[in-house]
Amino acid sequence: MSQSCSIHQCTRISRRLCDCYQQNLCLQHINEHNTVLISQHNPLVGEINTIGDRLKALNIQKTMEYSCQKLEVWRQDSHNKIDCFFGKIMSTTCQYVNYSSAKNKHE
């Protein structure tokens, strides 16, 4: 024997057990329930997509920040190496000039 729809005052025969409410529903009430679920689903999909886009943007921003930090470290390191090389060349040049000057005075 068929069961009737679980909705109050509905006399139609149930067609399916609703997974959400664990009630037997007729075709009309299943369709109505499905329409409500879809109307709730669509905004959620939109929100999930928006959040996904924000997460992608955050990841790009973090990647850019990390890359810029690494580039800044490289820049500072390069400047330090150039300064060190400049110091060595300057010191060598000064020593040579002083040596040459002292040598010329003794001659």
PDB file of N, CA and C in Angstrom:
ATOM      1  N   MET A   1       0.827  -1.167   0.000  1.00  0.00           N
ATOM      2  CA  MET A   1       0.000   0.000   0.000  1.00  0.00           C
ATOM      3  C   MET A   1       0.884   1.248   0.000  1.00  0.00           C
ATOM      4  N   SER A   2       0.551   2.241  -0.802  1.00  0.00           N
ATOM      5  CA  SER A   2       1.328   3.470  -0.936  1.00  0.00           C
ATOM      6  C   SER A   2       1.092   4.380   0.255  1.00  0.00           C
ATOM      7  N   GLN A   3       2.143   5.129   0.591  1.00  0.00           N
ATOM      8  CA  GLN A   3       2.033   6.096   1.677  1.00  0.00           C
ATOM      9  C   GLN A   3       1.605   7.438   1.105  1.00  0.00           C
ATOM     10  N   SER A   4       0.951   8.227   1.937  1.00  0.00           N
ATOM     11  CA  SER A   4       0.569   9.563   1.483  1.00  0.00           C
ATOM     12  C   SER A   4       1.704  10.540   1.800  1.00  0.00           C
ATOM     13  N   CYS A   5       1.649  11.689   1.167  1.00  0.00           N
ATOM     14  CA  CYS A   5       2.646  12.746   1.345  1.00  0.00           C
ATOM     15  C   CYS A   5       2.658  13.177   2.814  1.00  0.00           C
ATOM     16  N   SER A   6       3.843  13.431   3.333  1.00  0.00           N
ATOM     17  CA  SER A   6       4.002  13.801   4.749  1.00  0.00           C
ATOM     18  C   SER A   6       3.620  15.245   5.042  1.00  0.00           C
ATOM     19  N   ILE A   7       3.445  16.065   4.009  1.00  0.00           N
ATOM     20  CA  ILE A   7       3.075  17.459   4.205  1.00  0.00           C
ATOM     21  C   ILE A   7       1.636  17.515   4.721  1.00  0.00           C
ATOM     22  N   HIS A   8       1.423  18.350   5.741  1.00  0.00           N
ATOM     23  CA  HIS A   8       0.112  18.466   6.389  1.00  0.00           C
ATOM     24  C   HIS A   8      -0.974  18.824   5.377  1.00  0.00           C
ATOM     25  N   GLN A   9      -2.056  18.121   5.402  1.00  0.00           N
ATOM     26  CA  GLN A   9      -3.247  18.299   4.570  1.00  0.00           C
ATOM     27  C   GLN A   9      -3.023  17.982   3.094  1.00  0.00           C
ATOM     28  N   CYS A  10      -1.921  17.337   2.751  1.00  0.00           N
ATOM     29  CA  CYS A  10      -1.725  16.898   1.364  1.00  0.00           C
ATOM     30  C   CYS A  10      -2.200  15.452   1.268  1.00  0.00           C
ATOM     31  N   THR A  11      -3.060  15.180   0.302  1.00  0.00           N
ATOM     32  CA  THR A  11      -3.636  13.838   0.167  1.00  0.00           C
ATOM     33  C   THR A  11      -3.005  13.042  -0.965  1.00  0.00           C
ATOM     34  N   ARG A  12      -2.015  13.622  -1.636  1.00  0.00           N
ATOM     35  CA  ARG A  12      -1.387  12.923  -2.762  1.00  0.00           C
ATOM     36  C   ARG A  12      -0.499  11.784  -2.256  1.00  0.00           C
ATOM     37  N   ILE A  13      -0.238  10.868  -3.156  1.00  0.00           N
ATOM     38  CA  ILE A  13       0.605   9.716  -2.845  1.00  0.00           C
ATOM     39  C   ILE A  13       2.072  10.151  -2.876  1.00  0.00           C
ATOM     40  N   SER A  14       2.828   9.685  -1.892  1.00  0.00           N
ATOM     41  CA  SER A  14       4.249  10.039  -1.850  1.00  0.00           C
ATOM     42  C   SER A  14       4.990   9.328  -2.977  1.00  0.00           C
ATOM     43  N   ARG A  15       5.989   9.988  -3.517  1.00  0.00           N
ATOM     44  CA  ARG A  15       6.792   9.443  -4.619  1.00  0.00           C
ATOM     45  C   ARG A  15       8.233   9.194  -4.210  1.00  0.00           C
ATOM     46  N   ARG A  16       8.656   9.909  -3.171  1.00  0.00           N
ATOM     47  CA  ARG A  16      10.071   9.808  -2.830  1.00  0.00           C
ATOM     48  C   ARG A  16      10.286  10.221  -1.389  1.00  0.00           C
ATOM     49  N   LEU A  17      11.333   9.642  -0.793  1.00  0.00           N
ATOM     50  CA  LEU A  17      11.752  10.020   0.543  1.00  0.00           C
ATOM     51  C   LEU A  17      12.708  11.204   0.414  1.00  0.00           C
ATOM     52  N   CYS A  18      12.385  12.300   1.066  1.00  0.00           N
ATOM     53  CA  CYS A  18      13.233  13.495   1.034  1.00  0.00           C
ATOM     54  C   CYS A  18      14.474  13.234   1.886  1.00  0.00           C
ATOM     55  N   ASP A  19      15.656  13.420   1.289  1.00  0.00           N
ATOM     56  CA  ASP A  19      16.911  13.189   2.007  1.00  0.00           C
ATOM     57  C   ASP A  19      17.133  14.229   3.102  1.00  0.00           C
ATOM     58  N   CYS A  20      16.638  15.440   2.897  1.00  0.00           N
ATOM     59  CA  CYS A  20      16.842  16.514   3.880  1.00  0.00           C
ATOM     60  C   CYS A  20      16.014  16.297   5.144  1.00  0.00           C
ATOM     61  N   TYR A  21      14.757  16.005   4.963  1.00  0.00           N
ATOM     62  CA  TYR A  21      13.827  15.938   6.089  1.00  0.00           C
ATOM     63  C   TYR A  21      13.431  14.516   6.474  1.00  0.00           C
ATOM     64  N   GLN A  22      13.867  13.565   5.695  1.00  0.00           N
ATOM     65  CA  GLN A  22      13.517  12.160   5.927  1.00  0.00           C
ATOM     66  C   GLN A  22      11.995  11.982   6.013  1.00  0.00           C
ATOM     67  N   GLN A  23      11.309  12.616   5.038  1.00  0.00           N
ATOM     68  CA  GLN A  23       9.855  12.507   4.949  1.00  0.00           C
ATOM     69  C   GLN A  23       9.487  12.053   3.546  1.00  0.00           C
ATOM     70  N   ASN A  24       8.378  11.347   3.453  1.00  0.00           N
ATOM     71  CA  ASN A  24       7.861  10.938   2.151  1.00  0.00           C
ATOM     72  C   ASN A  24       7.091  12.099   1.547  1.00  0.00           C
ATOM     73  N   LEU A  25       7.453  12.479   0.299  1.00  0.00           N
ATOM     74  CA  LEU A  25       6.818  13.623  -0.348  1.00  0.00           C
ATOM     75  C   LEU A  25       6.215  13.221  -1.683  1.00  0.00           C
ATOM     76  N   CYS A  26       5.141  13.922  -2.030  1.00  0.00           N
ATOM     77  CA  CYS A  26       4.536  13.732  -3.342  1.00  0.00           C
ATOM     78  C   CYS A  26       5.387  14.474  -4.376  1.00  0.00           C
ATOM     79  N   LEU A  27       5.101  14.241  -5.644  1.00  0.00           N
ATOM     80  CA  LEU A  27       5.886  14.836  -6.719  1.00  0.00           C
ATOM     81  C   LEU A  27       5.862  16.366  -6.654  1.00  0.00           C
ATOM     82  N   GLN A  28       4.728  16.957  -6.383  1.00  0.00           N
ATOM     83  CA  GLN A  28       4.625  18.417  -6.316  1.00  0.00           C
ATOM     84  C   GLN A  28       5.495  18.979  -5.194  1.00  0.00           C
ATOM     85  N   HIS A  29       5.439  18.369  -4.027  1.00  0.00           N
ATOM     86  CA  HIS A  29       6.225  18.868  -2.901  1.00  0.00           C
ATOM     87  C   HIS A  29       7.720  18.579  -3.084  1.00  0.00           C
ATOM     88  N   ILE A  30       8.059  17.494  -3.749  1.00  0.00           N
ATOM     89  CA  ILE A  30       9.466  17.231  -4.083  1.00  0.00           C
ATOM     90  C   ILE A  30       9.973  18.339  -4.998  1.00  0.00           C
ATOM     91  N   ASN A  31       9.174  18.695  -6.013  1.00  0.00           N
ATOM     92  CA  ASN A  31       9.565  19.762  -6.943  1.00  0.00           C
ATOM     93  C   ASN A  31       9.692  21.111  -6.231  1.00  0.00           C
ATOM     94  N   GLU A  32       8.730  21.411  -5.354  1.00  0.00           N
ATOM     95  CA  GLU A  32       8.793  22.667  -4.601  1.00  0.00           C
ATOM     96  C   GLU A  32      10.049  22.710  -3.726  1.00  0.00           C
ATOM     97  N   HIS A  33      10.311  21.605  -3.057  1.00  0.00           N
ATOM     98  CA  HIS A  33      11.487  21.521  -2.193  1.00  0.00           C
ATOM     99  C   HIS A  33      12.767  21.668  -3.024  1.00  0.00           C
ATOM    100  N   ASN A  34      12.791  21.028  -4.176  1.00  0.00           N
ATOM    101  CA  ASN A  34      13.944  21.114  -5.074  1.00  0.00           C
ATOM    102  C   ASN A  34      14.162  22.557  -5.539  1.00  0.00           C
ATOM    103  N   THR A  35      13.086  23.257  -5.862  1.00  0.00           N
ATOM    104  CA  THR A  35      13.178  24.657  -6.290  1.00  0.00           C
ATOM    105  C   THR A  35      13.771  25.523  -5.179  1.00  0.00           C
ATOM    106  N   VAL A  36      13.335  25.290  -3.948  1.00  0.00           N
ATOM    107  CA  VAL A  36      13.874  26.036  -2.801  1.00  0.00           C
ATOM    108  C   VAL A  36      15.365  25.748  -2.639  1.00  0.00           C
ATOM    109  N   LEU A  37      15.744  24.479  -2.751  1.00  0.00           N
ATOM    110  CA  LEU A  37      17.161  24.113  -2.608  1.00  0.00           C
ATOM    111  C   LEU A  37      18.016  24.767  -3.692  1.00  0.00           C
ATOM    112  N   ILE A  38      17.516  24.774  -4.920  1.00  0.00           N
ATOM    113  CA  ILE A  38      18.261  25.389  -6.027  1.00  0.00           C
ATOM    114  C   ILE A  38      18.391  26.892  -5.802  1.00  0.00           C
ATOM    115  N   SER A  39      17.314  27.531  -5.334  1.00  0.00           N
ATOM    116  CA  SER A  39      17.377  28.980  -5.096  1.00  0.00           C
ATOM    117  C   SER A  39      18.372  29.314  -3.981  1.00  0.00           C
ATOM    118  N   GLN A  40      18.551  28.412  -3.029  1.00  0.00           N
ATOM    119  CA  GLN A  40      19.547  28.617  -1.976  1.00  0.00           C
ATOM    120  C   GLN A  40      20.947  28.267  -2.482  1.00  0.00           C
ATOM    121  N   HIS A  41      21.020  27.324  -3.391  1.00  0.00           N
ATOM    122  CA  HIS A  41      22.293  26.841  -3.922  1.00  0.00           C
ATOM    123  C   HIS A  41      22.992  27.892  -4.777  1.00  0.00           C
ATOM    124  N   ASN A  42      22.248  28.565  -5.651  1.00  0.00           N
ATOM    125  CA  ASN A  42      22.856  29.521  -6.587  1.00  0.00           C
ATOM    126  C   ASN A  42      23.607  30.661  -5.898  1.00  0.00           C
ATOM    127  N   PRO A  43      23.032  31.311  -4.877  1.00  0.00           N
ATOM    128  CA  PRO A  43      23.812  32.353  -4.196  1.00  0.00           C
ATOM    129  C   PRO A  43      25.060  31.790  -3.510  1.00  0.00           C
ATOM    130  N   LEU A  44      24.957  30.578  -2.992  1.00  0.00           N
ATOM    131  CA  LEU A  44      26.122  29.964  -2.352  1.00  0.00           C
ATOM    132  C   LEU A  44      27.235  29.723  -3.358  1.00  0.00           C
ATOM    133  N   VAL A  45      26.874  29.280  -4.550  1.00  0.00           N
ATOM    134  CA  VAL A  45      27.877  29.073  -5.598  1.00  0.00           C
ATOM    135  C   VAL A  45      28.551  30.398  -5.933  1.00  0.00           C
ATOM    136  N   GLY A  46      27.753  31.454  -6.025  1.00  0.00           N
ATOM    137  CA  GLY A  46      28.311  32.780  -6.291  1.00  0.00           C
ATOM    138  C   GLY A  46      29.277  33.221  -5.200  1.00  0.00           C
ATOM    139  N   GLU A  47      28.895  32.999  -3.948  1.00  0.00           N
ATOM    140  CA  GLU A  47      29.767  33.373  -2.830  1.00  0.00           C
ATOM    141  C   GLU A  47      31.048  32.550  -2.835  1.00  0.00           C
ATOM    142  N   ILE A  48      30.925  31.261  -3.110  1.00  0.00           N
ATOM    143  CA  ILE A  48      32.106  30.389  -3.169  1.00  0.00           C
ATOM    144  C   ILE A  48      33.037  30.847  -4.284  1.00  0.00           C
ATOM    145  N   ASN A  49      32.486  31.174  -5.431  1.00  0.00           N
ATOM    146  CA  ASN A  49      33.316  31.662  -6.543  1.00  0.00           C
ATOM    147  C   ASN A  49      34.009  32.975  -6.187  1.00  0.00           C
ATOM    148  N   THR A  50      33.286  33.868  -5.516  1.00  0.00           N
ATOM    149  CA  THR A  50      33.874  35.141  -5.094  1.00  0.00           C
ATOM    150  C   THR A  50      35.016  34.905  -4.114  1.00  0.00           C
ATOM    151  N   ILE A  51      34.796  34.034  -3.150  1.00  0.00           N
ATOM    152  CA  ILE A  51      35.843  33.711  -2.177  1.00  0.00           C
ATOM    153  C   ILE A  51      37.031  33.063  -2.879  1.00  0.00           C
ATOM    154  N   GLY A  52      36.753  32.173  -3.833  1.00  0.00           N
ATOM    155  CA  GLY A  52      37.831  31.549  -4.605  1.00  0.00           C
ATOM    156  C   GLY A  52      38.660  32.576  -5.352  1.00  0.00           C
ATOM    157  N   ASP A  53      37.994  33.546  -5.957  1.00  0.00           N
ATOM    158  CA  ASP A  53      38.712  34.617  -6.665  1.00  0.00           C
ATOM    159  C   ASP A  53      39.574  35.436  -5.704  1.00  0.00           C
ATOM    160  N   ARG A  54      39.034  35.699  -4.528  1.00  0.00           N
ATOM    161  CA  ARG A  54      39.807  36.456  -3.528  1.00  0.00           C
ATOM    162  C   ARG A  54      41.033  35.668  -3.079  1.00  0.00           C
ATOM    163  N   LEU A  55      40.862  34.360  -2.882  1.00  0.00           N
ATOM    164  CA  LEU A  55      41.995  33.528  -2.474  1.00  0.00           C
ATOM    165  C   LEU A  55      43.071  33.505  -3.546  1.00  0.00           C
ATOM    166  N   LYS A  56      42.651  33.431  -4.801  1.00  0.00           N
ATOM    167  CA  LYS A  56      43.625  33.462  -5.894  1.00  0.00           C
ATOM    168  C   LYS A  56      44.382  34.782  -5.885  1.00  0.00           C
ATOM    169  N   ALA A  57      43.657  35.871  -5.679  1.00  0.00           N
ATOM    170  CA  ALA A  57      44.297  37.191  -5.640  1.00  0.00           C
ATOM    171  C   ALA A  57      45.256  37.285  -4.460  1.00  0.00           C
ATOM    172  N   LEU A  58      44.874  36.730  -3.311  1.00  0.00           N
ATOM    173  CA  LEU A  58      45.756  36.744  -2.148  1.00  0.00           C
ATOM    174  C   LEU A  58      47.025  35.959  -2.425  1.00  0.00           C
ATOM    175  N   ASN A  59      46.883  34.800  -3.053  1.00  0.00           N
ATOM    176  CA  ASN A  59      48.050  33.990  -3.368  1.00  0.00           C
ATOM    177  C   ASN A  59      48.979  34.737  -4.312  1.00  0.00           C
ATOM    178  N   ILE A  60      48.420  35.427  -5.293  1.00  0.00           N
ATOM    179  CA  ILE A  60      49.232  36.204  -6.227  1.00  0.00           C
ATOM    180  C   ILE A  60      49.925  37.330  -5.466  1.00  0.00           C
ATOM    181  N   GLN A  61      49.191  37.984  -4.579  1.00  0.00           N
ATOM    182  CA  GLN A  61      49.759  39.083  -3.798  1.00  0.00           C
ATOM    183  C   GLN A  61      50.895  38.575  -2.922  1.00  0.00           C
ATOM    184  N   LYS A  62      50.702  37.431  -2.259  1.00  0.00           N
ATOM    185  CA  LYS A  62      51.752  36.873  -1.407  1.00  0.00           C
ATOM    186  C   LYS A  62      52.966  36.484  -2.238  1.00  0.00           C
ATOM    187  N   THR A  63      52.722  35.911  -3.403  1.00  0.00           N
ATOM    188  CA  THR A  63      53.818  35.533  -4.288  1.00  0.00           C
ATOM    189  C   THR A  63      54.593  36.762  -4.729  1.00  0.00           C
ATOM    190  N   MET A  64      53.877  37.819  -5.075  1.00  0.00           N
ATOM    191  CA  MET A  64      54.537  39.057  -5.488  1.00  0.00           C
ATOM    192  C   MET A  64      55.351  39.653  -4.339  1.00  0.00           C
ATOM    193  N   GLU A  65      54.779  39.665  -3.148  1.00  0.00           N
ATOM    194  CA  GLU A  65      55.494  40.202  -1.990  1.00  0.00           C
ATOM    195  C   GLU A  65      56.765  39.404  -1.732  1.00  0.00           C
ATOM    196  N   TYR A  66      56.665  38.081  -1.800  1.00  0.00           N
ATOM    197  CA  TYR A  66      57.825  37.217  -1.583  1.00  0.00           C
ATOM    198  C   TYR A  66      58.883  37.468  -2.652  1.00  0.00           C
ATOM    199  N   SER A  67      58.460  37.575  -3.901  1.00  0.00           N
ATOM    200  CA  SER A  67      59.394  37.832  -5.003  1.00  0.00           C
ATOM    201  C   SER A  67      60.073  39.183  -4.841  1.00  0.00           C
ATOM    202  N   CYS A  68      59.321  40.191  -4.447  1.00  0.00           N
ATOM    203  CA  CYS A  68      59.901  41.524  -4.239  1.00  0.00           C
ATOM    204  C   CYS A  68      60.900  41.509  -3.084  1.00  0.00           C
ATOM    205  N   GLN A  69      60.592  40.763  -2.035  1.00  0.00           N
ATOM    206  CA  GLN A  69      61.528  40.655  -0.914  1.00  0.00           C
ATOM    207  C   GLN A  69      62.827  39.991  -1.361  1.00  0.00           C
ATOM    208  N   LYS A  70      62.714  38.917  -2.133  1.00  0.00           N
ATOM    209  CA  LYS A  70      63.910  38.238  -2.628  1.00  0.00           C
ATOM    210  C   LYS A  70      64.716  39.155  -3.541  1.00  0.00           C
ATOM    211  N   LEU A  71      64.035  39.914  -4.369  1.00  0.00           N
ATOM    212  CA  LEU A  71      64.707  40.845  -5.274  1.00  0.00           C
ATOM    213  C   LEU A  71      65.422  41.944  -4.485  1.00  0.00           C
ATOM    214  N   GLU A  72      64.800  42.419  -3.429  1.00  0.00           N
ATOM    215  CA  GLU A  72      65.423  43.441  -2.582  1.00  0.00           C
ATOM    216  C   GLU A  72      66.671  42.881  -1.895  1.00  0.00           C
ATOM    217  N   VAL A  73      66.612  41.652  -1.417  1.00  0.00           N
ATOM    218  CA  VAL A  73      67.781  41.011  -0.806  1.00  0.00           C
ATOM    219  C   VAL A  73      68.897  40.888  -1.836  1.00  0.00           C
ATOM    220  N   TRP A  74      68.550  40.476  -3.050  1.00  0.00           N
ATOM    221  CA  TRP A  74      69.540  40.371  -4.131  1.00  0.00           C
ATOM    222  C   TRP A  74      70.166  41.739  -4.416  1.00  0.00           C
ATOM    223  N   ARG A  75      69.340  42.789  -4.453  1.00  0.00           N
ATOM    224  CA  ARG A  75      69.833  44.143  -4.723  1.00  0.00           C
ATOM    225  C   ARG A  75      70.824  44.576  -3.646  1.00  0.00           C
ATOM    226  N   GLN A  76      70.456  44.372  -2.397  1.00  0.00           N
ATOM    227  CA  GLN A  76      71.344  44.763  -1.305  1.00  0.00           C
ATOM    228  C   GLN A  76      72.648  43.964  -1.335  1.00  0.00           C
ATOM    229  N   ASP A  77      72.538  42.674  -1.590  1.00  0.00           N
ATOM    230  CA  ASP A  77      73.725  41.824  -1.680  1.00  0.00           C
ATOM    231  C   ASP A  77      74.629  42.282  -2.825  1.00  0.00           C
ATOM    232  N   SER A  78      74.032  42.605  -3.954  1.00  0.00           N
ATOM    233  CA  SER A  78      74.809  43.079  -5.107  1.00  0.00           C
ATOM    234  C   SER A  78      75.511  44.393  -4.789  1.00  0.00           C
ATOM    235  N   HIS A  79      74.815  45.305  -4.131  1.00  0.00           N
ATOM    236  CA  HIS A  79      75.424  46.581  -3.737  1.00  0.00           C
ATOM    237  C   HIS A  79      76.585  46.343  -2.772  1.00  0.00           C
ATOM    238  N   ASN A  80      76.398  45.422  -1.834  1.00  0.00           N
ATOM    239  CA  ASN A  80      77.472  45.110  -0.884  1.00  0.00           C
ATOM    240  C   ASN A  80      78.696  44.547  -1.603  1.00  0.00           C
ATOM    241  N   LYS A  81      78.478  43.673  -2.565  1.00  0.00           N
ATOM    242  CA  LYS A  81      79.596  43.100  -3.327  1.00  0.00           C
ATOM    243  C   LYS A  81      80.313  44.178  -4.133  1.00  0.00           C
ATOM    244  N   ILE A  82      79.547  45.062  -4.754  1.00  0.00           N
ATOM    245  CA  ILE A  82      80.147  46.166  -5.529  1.00  0.00           C
ATOM    246  C   ILE A  82      80.944  47.076  -4.600  1.00  0.00           C
ATOM    247  N   ASP A  83      80.376  47.403  -3.429  1.00  0.00           N
ATOM    248  CA  ASP A  83      81.087  48.252  -2.464  1.00  0.00           C
ATOM    249  C   ASP A  83      82.378  47.588  -1.994  1.00  0.00           C
ATOM    250  N   CYS A  84      82.319  46.291  -1.749  1.00  0.00           N
ATOM    251  CA  CYS A  84      83.505  45.548  -1.317  1.00  0.00           C
ATOM    252  C   CYS A  84      84.566  45.559  -2.420  1.00  0.00           C
ATOM    253  N   PHE A  85      84.161  45.282  -3.647  1.00  0.00           N
ATOM    254  CA  PHE A  85      85.083  45.285  -4.784  1.00  0.00           C
ATOM    255  C   PHE A  85      85.681  46.678  -4.976  1.00  0.00           C
ATOM    256  N   PHE A  86      84.835  47.698  -4.884  1.00  0.00           N
ATOM    257  CA  PHE A  86      85.297  49.080  -5.007  1.00  0.00           C
ATOM    258  C   PHE A  86      86.337  49.390  -3.923  1.00  0.00           C
ATOM    259  N   GLY A  87      86.064  48.962  -2.696  1.00  0.00           N
ATOM    260  CA  GLY A  87      86.997  49.191  -1.587  1.00  0.00           C
ATOM    261  C   GLY A  87      88.349  48.543  -1.840  1.00  0.00           C
ATOM    262  N   LYS A  88      88.333  47.314  -2.354  1.00  0.00           N
ATOM    263  CA  LYS A  88      89.593  46.615  -2.642  1.00  0.00           C
ATOM    264  C   LYS A  88      90.377  47.333  -3.738  1.00  0.00           C
ATOM    265  N   ILE A  89      89.690  47.716  -4.807  1.00  0.00           N
ATOM    266  CA  ILE A  89      90.353  48.414  -5.919  1.00  0.00           C
ATOM    267  C   ILE A  89      90.894  49.761  -5.443  1.00  0.00           C
ATOM    268  N   MET A  90      90.104  50.474  -4.655  1.00  0.00           N
ATOM    269  CA  MET A  90      90.523  51.777  -4.142  1.00  0.00           C
ATOM    270  C   MET A  90      91.743  51.624  -3.246  1.00  0.00           C
ATOM    271  N   SER A  91      91.716  50.617  -2.383  1.00  0.00           N
ATOM    272  CA  SER A  91      92.840  50.368  -1.485  1.00  0.00           C
ATOM    273  C   SER A  91      94.098  50.015  -2.271  1.00  0.00           C
ATOM    274  N   THR A  92      93.956  49.153  -3.264  1.00  0.00           N
ATOM    275  CA  THR A  92      95.091  48.768  -4.108  1.00  0.00           C
ATOM    276  C   THR A  92      95.635  49.977  -4.856  1.00  0.00           C
ATOM    277  N   THR A  93      94.756  50.800  -5.382  1.00  0.00           N
ATOM    278  CA  THR A  93      95.164  51.996  -6.124  1.00  0.00           C
ATOM    279  C   THR A  93      95.901  52.964  -5.205  1.00  0.00           C
ATOM    280  N   CYS A  94      95.363  53.196  -4.016  1.00  0.00           N
ATOM    281  CA  CYS A  94      96.012  54.102  -3.056  1.00  0.00           C
ATOM    282  C   CYS A  94      97.387  53.568  -2.654  1.00  0.00           C
ATOM    283  N   GLN A  95      97.485  52.272  -2.419  1.00  0.00           N
ATOM    284  CA  GLN A  95      98.775  51.677  -2.070  1.00  0.00           C
ATOM    285  C   GLN A  95      99.782  51.865  -3.207  1.00  0.00           C
ATOM    286  N   TYR A  96      99.331  51.664  -4.426  1.00  0.00           N
ATOM    287  CA  TYR A  96     100.224  51.818  -5.580  1.00  0.00           C
ATOM    288  C   TYR A  96     100.687  53.268  -5.720  1.00  0.00           C
ATOM    289  N   VAL A  97      99.738  54.217  -5.570  1.00  0.00           N
ATOM    290  CA  VAL A  97     100.086  55.640  -5.674  1.00  0.00           C
ATOM    291  C   VAL A  97     101.064  56.012  -4.564  1.00  0.00           C
ATOM    292  N   ASN A  98     100.806  55.575  -3.345  1.00  0.00           N
ATOM    293  CA  ASN A  98     101.705  55.868  -2.221  1.00  0.00           C
ATOM    294  C   ASN A  98     103.084  55.250  -2.448  1.00  0.00           C
ATOM    295  N   TYR A  99     103.100  54.027  -2.929  1.00  0.00           N
ATOM    296  CA  TYR A  99     104.362  53.345  -3.208  1.00  0.00           C
ATOM    297  C   TYR A  99     105.131  54.085  -4.298  1.00  0.00           C
ATOM    298  N   SER A 100     104.419  54.445  -5.375  1.00  0.00           N
ATOM    299  CA  SER A 100     105.064  55.165  -6.487  1.00  0.00           C
ATOM    300  C   SER A 100     105.568  56.521  -6.023  1.00  0.00           C
ATOM    301  N   SER A 101     104.813  57.201  -5.214  1.00  0.00           N
ATOM    302  CA  SER A 101     105.181  58.513  -4.702  1.00  0.00           C
ATOM    303  C   SER A 101     106.422  58.408  -3.815  1.00  0.00           C
ATOM    304  N   ALA A 102     106.423  57.422  -2.956  1.00  0.00           N
ATOM    305  CA  ALA A 102     107.563  57.216  -2.062  1.00  0.00           C
ATOM    306  C   ALA A 102     108.801  56.830  -2.856  1.00  0.00           C
ATOM    307  N   LYS A 103     108.625  56.027  -3.876  1.00  0.00           N
ATOM    308  CA  LYS A 103     109.736  55.580  -4.723  1.00  0.00           C
ATOM    309  C   LYS A 103     110.339  56.769  -5.463  1.00  0.00           C
ATOM    310  N   ASN A 104     109.486  57.660  -5.978  1.00  0.00           N
ATOM    311  CA  ASN A 104     109.956  58.840  -6.715  1.00  0.00           C
ATOM    312  C   ASN A 104     110.702  59.805  -5.797  1.00  0.00           C
ATOM    313  N   LYS A 105     110.309  59.894  -4.528  1.00  0.00           N
ATOM    314  CA  LYS A 105     110.972  60.793  -3.585  1.00  0.00           C
ATOM    315  C   LYS A 105     112.385  60.304  -3.278  1.00  0.00           C
ATOM    316  N   HIS A 106     112.556  58.987  -3.270  1.00  0.00           N
ATOM    317  CA  HIS A 106     113.865  58.419  -2.947  1.00  0.00           C
ATOM    318  C   HIS A 106     114.797  58.459  -4.131  1.00  0.00           C
ATOM    319  N   GLU A 107     114.299  58.657  -5.278  1.00  0.00           N
ATOM    320  CA  GLU A 107     115.150  58.658  -6.483  1.00  0.00           C
ATOM    321  C   GLU A 107     115.704  59.963  -6.773  1.00  0.00           C
TER     322      GLU A 107
END
